[in-house]
Amino acid sequence: MIEMLSSNLASGIFGAILGSLIANWLTIKNEKIKLTMDFHKEWNNHEMNAQRRVGYHCIKLYPDTKYSELTNSDEKGSLSVFTVLRFYERLWHCFNTNRLDKQLTATLFYQDFYWWYFISFSTSLKASKDDWPAYNHIVNLKIKFQEYTSEADFQIYQKKFNEKYNSYVSNKP
């Protein structure tokens, strides 16, 4: 009888612990998906779309201007570029601390990120890297996104956006 009680008690404790661990794992997984979707919602909201558009035009006009000098060329445009940069920095910090669903994050953001990376971050931000710790965050985000992007897709975007950058530089006003 005592053996049966202790066996039932052990089973009950084991079941409670296992159930608690599964519930905790599911809660964490859902929180990661929710935060990932919150970032996606922010990236696509009206205000961020406006910032991205202004930033795009700024980068197109001043493709090879260092970020540390961009404000002198286009103050409003540079603020929009910096808004996008800070968004990606926050995304990196959450990605790096395992607060996001990594595959979903990469899937949702890699195409737009690669545009910004190859058109601007790897050129103009890199030129300012000694003054801007953001450069290392952006490079780390690119490295992580590459882990979740097929090599073929990465090569396509790298070639396409490097060509686009070169056309912006050669067509500068």
C-alpha atoms as a PDB file:
ATOM      1  CA  MET A   1       0.000   0.000   0.000  1.00  0.00           C
ATOM      2  CA  ILE A   2       2.784   2.427   0.940  1.00  0.00           C
ATOM      3  CA  GLU A   3       4.640   1.486  -2.237  1.00  0.00           C
ATOM      4  CA  MET A   4       1.517   2.220  -4.297  1.00  0.00           C
ATOM      5  CA  LEU A   5       1.059   5.601  -2.624  1.00  0.00           C
ATOM      6  CA  SER A   6       4.680   6.569  -3.135  1.00  0.00           C
ATOM      7  CA  SER A   7       4.494   5.362  -6.758  1.00  0.00           C
ATOM      8  CA  ASN A   8       1.322   7.396  -7.345  1.00  0.00           C
ATOM      9  CA  LEU A   9       2.892  10.401  -5.603  1.00  0.00           C
ATOM     10  CA  ALA A  10       6.052  10.125  -7.729  1.00  0.00           C
ATOM     11  CA  SER A  11       3.946   9.809 -10.873  1.00  0.00           C
ATOM     12  CA  GLY A  12       1.884  12.811  -9.848  1.00  0.00           C
ATOM     13  CA  ILE A  13       4.957  14.920  -9.136  1.00  0.00           C
ATOM     14  CA  PHE A  14       6.583  13.830 -12.398  1.00  0.00           C
ATOM     15  CA  GLY A  15       3.389  14.641 -14.326  1.00  0.00           C
ATOM     16  CA  ALA A  16       3.082  18.055 -12.688  1.00  0.00           C
ATOM     17  CA  ILE A  17       6.708  18.925 -13.450  1.00  0.00           C
ATOM     18  CA  LEU A  18       6.431  17.679 -17.030  1.00  0.00           C
ATOM     19  CA  GLY A  19       3.168  19.562 -17.557  1.00  0.00           C
ATOM     20  CA  SER A  20       4.699  22.713 -16.119  1.00  0.00           C
ATOM     21  CA  LEU A  21       7.738  22.422 -18.390  1.00  0.00           C
ATOM     22  CA  ILE A  22       5.574  21.902 -21.478  1.00  0.00           C
ATOM     23  CA  ALA A  23       3.332  24.841 -20.553  1.00  0.00           C
ATOM     24  CA  ASN A  24       6.392  27.029 -19.987  1.00  0.00           C
ATOM     25  CA  TRP A  25       7.930  25.978 -23.319  1.00  0.00           C
ATOM     26  CA  LEU A  26       4.673  26.729 -25.173  1.00  0.00           C
ATOM     27  CA  THR A  27       4.371  30.121 -23.448  1.00  0.00           C
ATOM     28  CA  ILE A  28       7.918  31.085 -24.434  1.00  0.00           C
ATOM     29  CA  LYS A  29       7.361  29.897 -28.012  1.00  0.00           C
ATOM     30  CA  ASN A  30       4.149  31.935 -28.263  1.00  0.00           C
ATOM     31  CA  GLU A  31       5.864  35.026 -26.812  1.00  0.00           C
ATOM     32  CA  LYS A  32       8.634  34.730 -29.423  1.00  0.00           C
ATOM     33  CA  ILE A  33       6.098  34.480 -32.234  1.00  0.00           C
ATOM     34  CA  LYS A  34       4.118  37.406 -30.841  1.00  0.00           C
ATOM     35  CA  LEU A  35       7.199  39.653 -30.562  1.00  0.00           C
ATOM     36  CA  THR A  36       8.257  38.657 -34.078  1.00  0.00           C
ATOM     37  CA  MET A  37       4.811  39.574 -35.399  1.00  0.00           C
ATOM     38  CA  ASP A  38       4.887  42.851 -33.425  1.00  0.00           C
ATOM     39  CA  PHE A  39       8.139  43.765 -35.210  1.00  0.00           C
ATOM     40  CA  HIS A  40       6.549  42.830 -38.541  1.00  0.00           C
ATOM     41  CA  LYS A  41       3.511  44.961 -37.758  1.00  0.00           C
ATOM     42  CA  GLU A  42       5.775  47.893 -36.842  1.00  0.00           C
ATOM     43  CA  TRP A  43       7.832  47.456 -40.029  1.00  0.00           C
ATOM     44  CA  ASN A  44       4.670  47.622 -42.134  1.00  0.00           C
ATOM     45  CA  ASN A  45       2.737  50.326 -40.287  1.00  0.00           C
ATOM     46  CA  HIS A  46       1.982  53.678 -41.929  1.00  0.00           C
ATOM     47  CA  GLU A  47       4.596  55.664 -40.010  1.00  0.00           C
ATOM     48  CA  MET A  48       7.425  53.219 -40.691  1.00  0.00           C
ATOM     49  CA  ASN A  49       6.435  52.958 -44.362  1.00  0.00           C
ATOM     50  CA  ALA A  50       6.735  56.743 -44.608  1.00  0.00           C
ATOM     51  CA  GLN A  51      10.128  56.656 -42.855  1.00  0.00           C
ATOM     52  CA  ARG A  52      11.356  53.884 -45.140  1.00  0.00           C
ATOM     53  CA  ARG A  53      10.239  55.777 -48.240  1.00  0.00           C
ATOM     54  CA  VAL A  54      12.011  58.976 -47.216  1.00  0.00           C
ATOM     55  CA  GLY A  55      15.081  56.952 -46.215  1.00  0.00           C
ATOM     56  CA  TYR A  56      15.042  55.145 -49.553  1.00  0.00           C
ATOM     57  CA  HIS A  57      15.083  58.436 -51.457  1.00  0.00           C
ATOM     58  CA  CYS A  58      17.872  59.756 -49.242  1.00  0.00           C
ATOM     59  CA  ILE A  59      19.999  56.663 -49.865  1.00  0.00           C
ATOM     60  CA  LYS A  60      19.265  56.845 -53.590  1.00  0.00           C
ATOM     61  CA  LEU A  61      20.444  60.479 -53.707  1.00  0.00           C
ATOM     62  CA  TYR A  62      23.465  59.988 -51.430  1.00  0.00           C
ATOM     63  CA  PRO A  63      24.409  56.316 -51.835  1.00  0.00           C
ATOM     64  CA  ASP A  64      28.082  56.687 -50.940  1.00  0.00           C
ATOM     65  CA  THR A  65      27.809  59.333 -48.210  1.00  0.00           C
ATOM     66  CA  LYS A  66      29.036  58.149 -44.813  1.00  0.00           C
ATOM     67  CA  TYR A  67      26.317  58.002 -42.165  1.00  0.00           C
ATOM     68  CA  SER A  68      28.331  60.371 -39.999  1.00  0.00           C
ATOM     69  CA  GLU A  69      28.015  62.955 -42.805  1.00  0.00           C
ATOM     70  CA  LEU A  70      24.527  62.123 -44.066  1.00  0.00           C
ATOM     71  CA  THR A  71      22.793  64.695 -41.862  1.00  0.00           C
ATOM     72  CA  ASN A  72      24.722  67.461 -43.631  1.00  0.00           C
ATOM     73  CA  SER A  73      23.434  66.244 -47.004  1.00  0.00           C
ATOM     74  CA  ASP A  74      19.783  65.611 -46.119  1.00  0.00           C
ATOM     75  CA  GLU A  75      18.641  66.145 -42.540  1.00  0.00           C
ATOM     76  CA  LYS A  76      15.091  64.815 -42.950  1.00  0.00           C
ATOM     77  CA  GLY A  77      16.203  61.871 -45.069  1.00  0.00           C
ATOM     78  CA  SER A  78      18.996  60.989 -42.675  1.00  0.00           C
ATOM     79  CA  LEU A  79      16.557  60.864 -39.770  1.00  0.00           C
ATOM     80  CA  SER A  80      14.499  58.337 -41.708  1.00  0.00           C
ATOM     81  CA  VAL A  81      17.607  56.282 -42.527  1.00  0.00           C
ATOM     82  CA  PHE A  82      18.534  56.309 -38.837  1.00  0.00           C
ATOM     83  CA  THR A  83      14.988  55.224 -37.912  1.00  0.00           C
ATOM     84  CA  VAL A  84      15.389  52.158 -40.140  1.00  0.00           C
ATOM     85  CA  LEU A  85      18.866  51.524 -38.755  1.00  0.00           C
ATOM     86  CA  ARG A  86      17.595  51.653 -35.165  1.00  0.00           C
ATOM     87  CA  PHE A  87      14.736  49.313 -36.053  1.00  0.00           C
ATOM     88  CA  TYR A  88      17.222  46.747 -37.309  1.00  0.00           C
ATOM     89  CA  GLU A  89      19.429  47.259 -34.265  1.00  0.00           C
ATOM     90  CA  ARG A  90      16.480  46.493 -31.977  1.00  0.00           C
ATOM     91  CA  LEU A  91      15.643  43.486 -34.118  1.00  0.00           C
ATOM     92  CA  TRP A  92      19.251  42.293 -33.766  1.00  0.00           C
ATOM     93  CA  HIS A  93      19.234  42.672 -29.982  1.00  0.00           C
ATOM     94  CA  CYS A  94      16.017  40.659 -29.677  1.00  0.00           C
ATOM     95  CA  PHE A  95      17.306  38.088 -32.162  1.00  0.00           C
ATOM     96  CA  ASN A  96      20.613  37.817 -30.311  1.00  0.00           C
ATOM     97  CA  THR A  97      18.945  37.347 -26.920  1.00  0.00           C
ATOM     98  CA  ASN A  98      16.673  34.626 -28.315  1.00  0.00           C
ATOM     99  CA  ARG A  99      13.479  36.634 -27.837  1.00  0.00           C
ATOM    100  CA  LEU A 100      12.255  36.084 -31.410  1.00  0.00           C
ATOM    101  CA  ASP A 101      11.252  33.113 -33.495  1.00  0.00           C
ATOM    102  CA  LYS A 102      14.440  33.102 -35.570  1.00  0.00           C
ATOM    103  CA  GLN A 103      13.198  31.295 -38.670  1.00  0.00           C
ATOM    104  CA  LEU A 104      10.029  33.382 -38.826  1.00  0.00           C
ATOM    105  CA  THR A 105      12.019  36.593 -38.269  1.00  0.00           C
ATOM    106  CA  ALA A 106      14.443  35.785 -41.058  1.00  0.00           C
ATOM    107  CA  THR A 107      11.623  34.782 -43.400  1.00  0.00           C
ATOM    108  CA  LEU A 108       9.683  37.995 -42.750  1.00  0.00           C
ATOM    109  CA  PHE A 109      12.607  40.409 -42.884  1.00  0.00           C
ATOM    110  CA  TYR A 110      15.542  39.089 -44.895  1.00  0.00           C
ATOM    111  CA  GLN A 111      14.565  40.483 -48.313  1.00  0.00           C
ATOM    112  CA  ASP A 112      14.065  44.062 -47.077  1.00  0.00           C
ATOM    113  CA  PHE A 113      17.049  43.759 -44.771  1.00  0.00           C
ATOM    114  CA  TYR A 114      19.340  42.669 -47.602  1.00  0.00           C
ATOM    115  CA  TRP A 115      18.269  45.719 -49.630  1.00  0.00           C
ATOM    116  CA  TRP A 116      19.242  48.040 -46.782  1.00  0.00           C
ATOM    117  CA  TYR A 117      22.373  46.043 -46.045  1.00  0.00           C
ATOM    118  CA  PHE A 118      23.824  45.908 -49.555  1.00  0.00           C
ATOM    119  CA  ILE A 119      22.619  49.339 -50.678  1.00  0.00           C
ATOM    120  CA  SER A 120      23.544  51.259 -47.545  1.00  0.00           C
ATOM    121  CA  PHE A 121      24.680  49.505 -44.372  1.00  0.00           C
ATOM    122  CA  SER A 122      27.629  47.646 -45.945  1.00  0.00           C
ATOM    123  CA  THR A 123      28.808  50.798 -47.676  1.00  0.00           C
ATOM    124  CA  SER A 124      27.875  54.065 -45.991  1.00  0.00           C
ATOM    125  CA  LEU A 125      27.466  52.695 -42.465  1.00  0.00           C
ATOM    126  CA  LYS A 126      30.654  50.671 -42.851  1.00  0.00           C
ATOM    127  CA  ALA A 127      32.516  53.855 -43.758  1.00  0.00           C
ATOM    128  CA  SER A 128      31.459  55.234 -40.358  1.00  0.00           C
ATOM    129  CA  LYS A 129      31.993  51.987 -38.436  1.00  0.00           C
ATOM    130  CA  ASP A 130      34.689  53.335 -36.112  1.00  0.00           C
ATOM    131  CA  ASP A 131      32.231  55.891 -34.791  1.00  0.00           C
ATOM    132  CA  TRP A 132      29.109  53.750 -35.010  1.00  0.00           C
ATOM    133  CA  PRO A 133      28.783  50.537 -32.975  1.00  0.00           C
ATOM    134  CA  ALA A 134      25.596  49.939 -34.953  1.00  0.00           C
ATOM    135  CA  TYR A 135      27.738  48.601 -37.781  1.00  0.00           C
ATOM    136  CA  ASN A 136      28.675  45.482 -35.792  1.00  0.00           C
ATOM    137  CA  HIS A 137      25.032  44.877 -34.849  1.00  0.00           C
ATOM    138  CA  ILE A 138      23.994  45.088 -38.487  1.00  0.00           C
ATOM    139  CA  VAL A 139      26.772  42.751 -39.648  1.00  0.00           C
ATOM    140  CA  ASN A 140      25.793  40.261 -36.933  1.00  0.00           C
ATOM    141  CA  LEU A 141      22.161  40.429 -38.039  1.00  0.00           C
ATOM    142  CA  LYS A 142      23.232  39.757 -41.630  1.00  0.00           C
ATOM    143  CA  ILE A 143      25.271  36.744 -40.497  1.00  0.00           C
ATOM    144  CA  LYS A 144      22.292  35.367 -38.556  1.00  0.00           C
ATOM    145  CA  PHE A 145      19.855  35.983 -41.413  1.00  0.00           C
ATOM    146  CA  GLN A 146      22.222  34.105 -43.730  1.00  0.00           C
ATOM    147  CA  GLU A 147      21.838  31.058 -41.489  1.00  0.00           C
ATOM    148  CA  TYR A 148      18.103  31.079 -42.243  1.00  0.00           C
ATOM    149  CA  THR A 149      18.309  32.074 -45.928  1.00  0.00           C
ATOM    150  CA  SER A 150      19.132  29.676 -48.713  1.00  0.00           C
ATOM    151  CA  GLU A 151      22.549  30.295 -50.228  1.00  0.00           C
ATOM    152  CA  ALA A 152      20.939  30.745 -53.656  1.00  0.00           C
ATOM    153  CA  ASP A 153      18.575  33.461 -52.370  1.00  0.00           C
ATOM    154  CA  PHE A 154      21.407  35.202 -50.558  1.00  0.00           C
ATOM    155  CA  GLN A 155      23.572  35.226 -53.698  1.00  0.00           C
ATOM    156  CA  ILE A 156      20.695  36.557 -55.797  1.00  0.00           C
ATOM    157  CA  TYR A 157      19.987  39.430 -53.398  1.00  0.00           C
ATOM    158  CA  GLN A 158      23.654  40.233 -52.907  1.00  0.00           C
ATOM    159  CA  LYS A 159      24.243  40.492 -56.671  1.00  0.00           C
ATOM    160  CA  LYS A 160      21.008  42.345 -57.379  1.00  0.00           C
ATOM    161  CA  PHE A 161      21.442  44.910 -54.612  1.00  0.00           C
ATOM    162  CA  ASN A 162      25.157  45.457 -55.223  1.00  0.00           C
ATOM    163  CA  GLU A 163      24.288  46.225 -58.848  1.00  0.00           C
ATOM    164  CA  LYS A 164      21.540  48.575 -57.682  1.00  0.00           C
ATOM    165  CA  TYR A 165      23.992  50.345 -55.356  1.00  0.00           C
ATOM    166  CA  ASN A 166      26.482  50.751 -58.208  1.00  0.00           C
ATOM    167  CA  SER A 167      23.761  52.221 -60.417  1.00  0.00           C
ATOM    168  CA  TYR A 168      22.834  54.718 -57.670  1.00  0.00           C
ATOM    169  CA  VAL A 169      26.470  55.760 -57.333  1.00  0.00           C
ATOM    170  CA  SER A 170      26.972  56.136 -61.084  1.00  0.00           C
ATOM    171  CA  ASN A 171      23.700  58.097 -61.516  1.00  0.00           C
ATOM    172  CA  LYS A 172      24.226  60.527 -58.635  1.00  0.00           C
ATOM    173  CA  PRO A 173      23.025  64.050 -59.435  1.00  0.00           C
END
